């Protein structure tokens, strides 16, 4: 990963964080119905965290990434 790629990912992460913060503020503003949306966002976030943890812990995926030609 080179310097420009790191800068690009950092910028995308910052934009995503700002977007999530704005969405969270909007959900709180629409209080009674916004809680349903907030529960959905938390559920999707939990599933994404699970997927990333499984991928990082998978030695089989690493093997195929390095040894199988595409």
N, C-alpha and C. Protein backbone atom coordinates (compact mmCIF):
# COMPACT_ATOMS: atom_id res chain seq x y z
N UNK A 1 0.86 -1.16 0.00
CA UNK A 1 0.00 0.00 0.00
C UNK A 1 0.91 1.24 0.00
N UNK A 2 0.73 2.08 -0.99
CA UNK A 2 1.59 3.25 -1.08
C UNK A 2 0.96 4.45 -0.35
N UNK A 3 1.69 5.54 -0.36
CA UNK A 3 1.30 6.74 0.38
C UNK A 3 -0.05 7.29 -0.10
N UNK A 4 -0.26 7.35 -1.40
CA UNK A 4 -1.50 7.91 -1.94
C UNK A 4 -2.71 7.05 -1.61
N UNK A 5 -2.51 5.76 -1.59
CA UNK A 5 -3.62 4.87 -1.25
C UNK A 5 -4.03 5.07 0.21
N UNK A 6 -3.05 5.24 1.10
CA UNK A 6 -3.35 5.49 2.51
C UNK A 6 -4.10 6.80 2.68
N UNK A 7 -3.67 7.83 1.95
CA UNK A 7 -4.35 9.13 2.02
C UNK A 7 -5.79 8.99 1.50
N UNK A 8 -5.96 8.26 0.42
CA UNK A 8 -7.30 8.04 -0.13
C UNK A 8 -8.21 7.32 0.85
N UNK A 9 -7.71 6.26 1.48
CA UNK A 9 -8.51 5.54 2.46
C UNK A 9 -8.82 6.40 3.68
N UNK A 10 -7.87 7.22 4.09
CA UNK A 10 -8.11 8.12 5.23
C UNK A 10 -9.20 9.13 4.89
N UNK A 11 -9.16 9.67 3.69
CA UNK A 11 -10.21 10.63 3.28
C UNK A 11 -11.57 9.96 3.19
N UNK A 12 -11.62 8.76 2.62
CA UNK A 12 -12.90 8.04 2.54
C UNK A 12 -13.42 7.70 3.93
N UNK A 13 -12.54 7.33 4.82
CA UNK A 13 -12.95 7.03 6.19
C UNK A 13 -13.51 8.26 6.89
N UNK A 14 -12.88 9.40 6.66
CA UNK A 14 -13.35 10.65 7.27
C UNK A 14 -14.73 11.03 6.73
N UNK A 15 -14.92 10.90 5.44
CA UNK A 15 -16.22 11.21 4.84
C UNK A 15 -17.29 10.25 5.37
N UNK A 16 -16.97 8.98 5.47
CA UNK A 16 -17.93 8.00 5.98
C UNK A 16 -18.28 8.30 7.44
N UNK A 17 -17.29 8.68 8.23
CA UNK A 17 -17.54 9.02 9.62
C UNK A 17 -18.44 10.24 9.74
N UNK A 18 -18.19 11.26 8.95
CA UNK A 18 -19.04 12.46 8.95
C UNK A 18 -20.46 12.12 8.52
N UNK A 19 -20.59 11.27 7.51
CA UNK A 19 -21.90 10.86 7.03
C UNK A 19 -22.67 10.11 8.11
N UNK A 20 -21.99 9.19 8.79
CA UNK A 20 -22.64 8.44 9.86
C UNK A 20 -23.04 9.35 11.02
N UNK A 21 -22.20 10.31 11.34
CA UNK A 21 -22.52 11.26 12.40
C UNK A 21 -23.75 12.09 12.03
N UNK A 22 -23.81 12.58 10.80
CA UNK A 22 -24.96 13.35 10.34
C UNK A 22 -26.23 12.49 10.34
N UNK A 23 -26.09 11.23 9.95
CA UNK A 23 -27.24 10.33 9.94
C UNK A 23 -27.71 10.06 11.37
N UNK A 24 -26.77 9.91 12.29
CA UNK A 24 -27.12 9.69 13.69
C UNK A 24 -27.86 10.90 14.26
N UNK A 25 -27.40 12.10 13.95
CA UNK A 25 -28.07 13.32 14.42
C UNK A 25 -29.47 13.40 13.84
N UNK A 26 -29.64 13.05 12.58
CA UNK A 26 -30.96 13.06 11.95
C UNK A 26 -31.90 12.05 12.56
N UNK A 27 -31.37 10.89 12.92
CA UNK A 27 -32.19 9.84 13.54
C UNK A 27 -32.66 10.30 14.92
N UNK A 28 -31.78 10.94 15.67
CA UNK A 28 -32.17 11.43 16.99
C UNK A 28 -33.21 12.55 16.86
N UNK A 29 -33.11 13.37 15.81
CA UNK A 29 -34.07 14.46 15.60
C UNK A 29 -35.48 13.92 15.33
N UNK A 30 -35.59 12.79 14.66
CA UNK A 30 -36.88 12.15 14.39
C UNK A 30 -37.13 11.11 15.47
N UNK A 31 -37.22 11.54 16.71
CA UNK A 31 -37.09 10.67 17.88
C UNK A 31 -37.90 9.37 17.86
N UNK A 32 -39.21 9.37 17.88
CA UNK A 32 -39.85 8.07 18.09
C UNK A 32 -39.59 7.07 16.96
N UNK A 33 -39.64 7.54 15.72
CA UNK A 33 -39.44 6.62 14.60
C UNK A 33 -37.95 6.44 14.28
N UNK A 34 -37.17 7.39 14.70
CA UNK A 34 -35.74 7.32 14.45
C UNK A 34 -35.06 6.19 15.20
N UNK A 35 -35.65 5.77 16.31
CA UNK A 35 -35.05 4.67 17.07
C UNK A 35 -35.06 3.36 16.28
N UNK A 36 -36.08 3.16 15.48
CA UNK A 36 -36.12 1.95 14.64
C UNK A 36 -34.97 1.96 13.63
N UNK A 37 -34.72 3.10 13.05
CA UNK A 37 -33.62 3.23 12.10
C UNK A 37 -32.30 3.03 12.81
N UNK A 38 -32.17 3.57 14.02
CA UNK A 38 -30.95 3.43 14.78
C UNK A 38 -30.66 1.96 15.11
N UNK A 39 -31.69 1.21 15.45
CA UNK A 39 -31.52 -0.21 15.73
C UNK A 39 -31.04 -0.94 14.46
N UNK A 40 -31.59 -0.57 13.31
CA UNK A 40 -31.15 -1.17 12.05
C UNK A 40 -29.69 -0.84 11.73
N UNK A 41 -29.30 0.40 11.97
CA UNK A 41 -27.92 0.80 11.72
C UNK A 41 -26.96 0.04 12.63
N UNK A 42 -27.33 -0.10 13.89
CA UNK A 42 -26.48 -0.84 14.82
C UNK A 42 -26.38 -2.31 14.40
N UNK A 43 -27.47 -2.89 13.94
CA UNK A 43 -27.44 -4.28 13.47
C UNK A 43 -26.53 -4.48 12.28
N UNK A 44 -26.63 -3.60 11.30
CA UNK A 44 -25.77 -3.69 10.12
C UNK A 44 -24.31 -3.47 10.51
N UNK A 45 -24.06 -2.52 11.40
CA UNK A 45 -22.70 -2.28 11.87
C UNK A 45 -22.12 -3.49 12.57
N UNK A 46 -22.92 -4.16 13.40
CA UNK A 46 -22.45 -5.35 14.10
C UNK A 46 -22.11 -6.47 13.11
N UNK A 47 -22.92 -6.62 12.08
CA UNK A 47 -22.63 -7.65 11.07
C UNK A 47 -21.37 -7.32 10.28
N UNK A 48 -21.16 -6.05 9.95
CA UNK A 48 -19.94 -5.66 9.25
C UNK A 48 -18.70 -5.93 10.10
N UNK A 49 -18.78 -5.62 11.38
CA UNK A 49 -17.65 -5.90 12.27
C UNK A 49 -17.37 -7.39 12.31
N UNK A 50 -18.42 -8.21 12.36
CA UNK A 50 -18.25 -9.67 12.38
C UNK A 50 -17.56 -10.16 11.11
N UNK A 51 -17.98 -9.62 9.96
CA UNK A 51 -17.38 -10.03 8.68
C UNK A 51 -15.91 -9.66 8.63
N UNK A 52 -15.56 -8.43 9.05
CA UNK A 52 -14.16 -8.01 9.04
C UNK A 52 -13.31 -8.84 9.98
N UNK A 53 -13.83 -9.15 11.17
CA UNK A 53 -13.07 -9.97 12.11
C UNK A 53 -12.83 -11.37 11.56
N UNK A 54 -13.86 -11.96 10.94
CA UNK A 54 -13.70 -13.30 10.37
C UNK A 54 -12.69 -13.30 9.22
N UNK A 55 -12.73 -12.26 8.40
CA UNK A 55 -11.80 -12.19 7.28
C UNK A 55 -10.37 -12.03 7.75
N UNK A 56 -10.16 -11.20 8.75
CA UNK A 56 -8.81 -11.00 9.26
C UNK A 56 -8.26 -12.23 9.95
N UNK A 57 -9.13 -13.05 10.52
CA UNK A 57 -8.69 -14.24 11.24
C UNK A 57 -8.58 -15.47 10.34
N UNK A 58 -9.00 -15.39 9.09
CA UNK A 58 -9.05 -16.55 8.20
C UNK A 58 -7.70 -16.79 7.52
N UNK A 59 -7.06 -17.88 7.91
CA UNK A 59 -5.79 -18.24 7.27
C UNK A 59 -6.03 -18.89 5.90
N UNK A 60 -7.18 -19.52 5.73
CA UNK A 60 -7.49 -20.16 4.46
C UNK A 60 -7.62 -19.11 3.34
N UNK A 61 -8.30 -18.00 3.63
CA UNK A 61 -8.42 -16.94 2.64
C UNK A 61 -7.06 -16.35 2.28
N UNK A 62 -6.20 -16.21 3.28
CA UNK A 62 -4.85 -15.69 3.03
C UNK A 62 -4.07 -16.63 2.12
N UNK A 63 -4.22 -17.93 2.35
CA UNK A 63 -3.53 -18.92 1.53
C UNK A 63 -3.97 -18.79 0.07
N UNK A 64 -5.26 -18.73 -0.17
CA UNK A 64 -5.76 -18.64 -1.54
C UNK A 64 -5.40 -17.30 -2.19
N UNK A 65 -5.35 -16.23 -1.41
CA UNK A 65 -4.94 -14.93 -1.96
C UNK A 65 -3.50 -14.99 -2.46
N UNK A 66 -2.64 -15.69 -1.76
CA UNK A 66 -1.21 -15.72 -2.10
C UNK A 66 -0.84 -16.80 -3.12
N UNK A 67 -1.56 -17.93 -3.13
CA UNK A 67 -1.10 -19.07 -3.90
C UNK A 67 -1.95 -19.45 -5.10
N UNK A 68 -3.13 -18.94 -5.24
CA UNK A 68 -3.98 -19.31 -6.36
C UNK A 68 -3.95 -18.19 -7.40
N UNK A 69 -3.65 -18.57 -8.65
CA UNK A 69 -3.62 -17.56 -9.70
C UNK A 69 -5.03 -17.15 -10.07
N UNK A 70 -5.14 -15.90 -10.46
CA UNK A 70 -6.47 -15.37 -10.81
C UNK A 70 -6.70 -15.42 -12.29
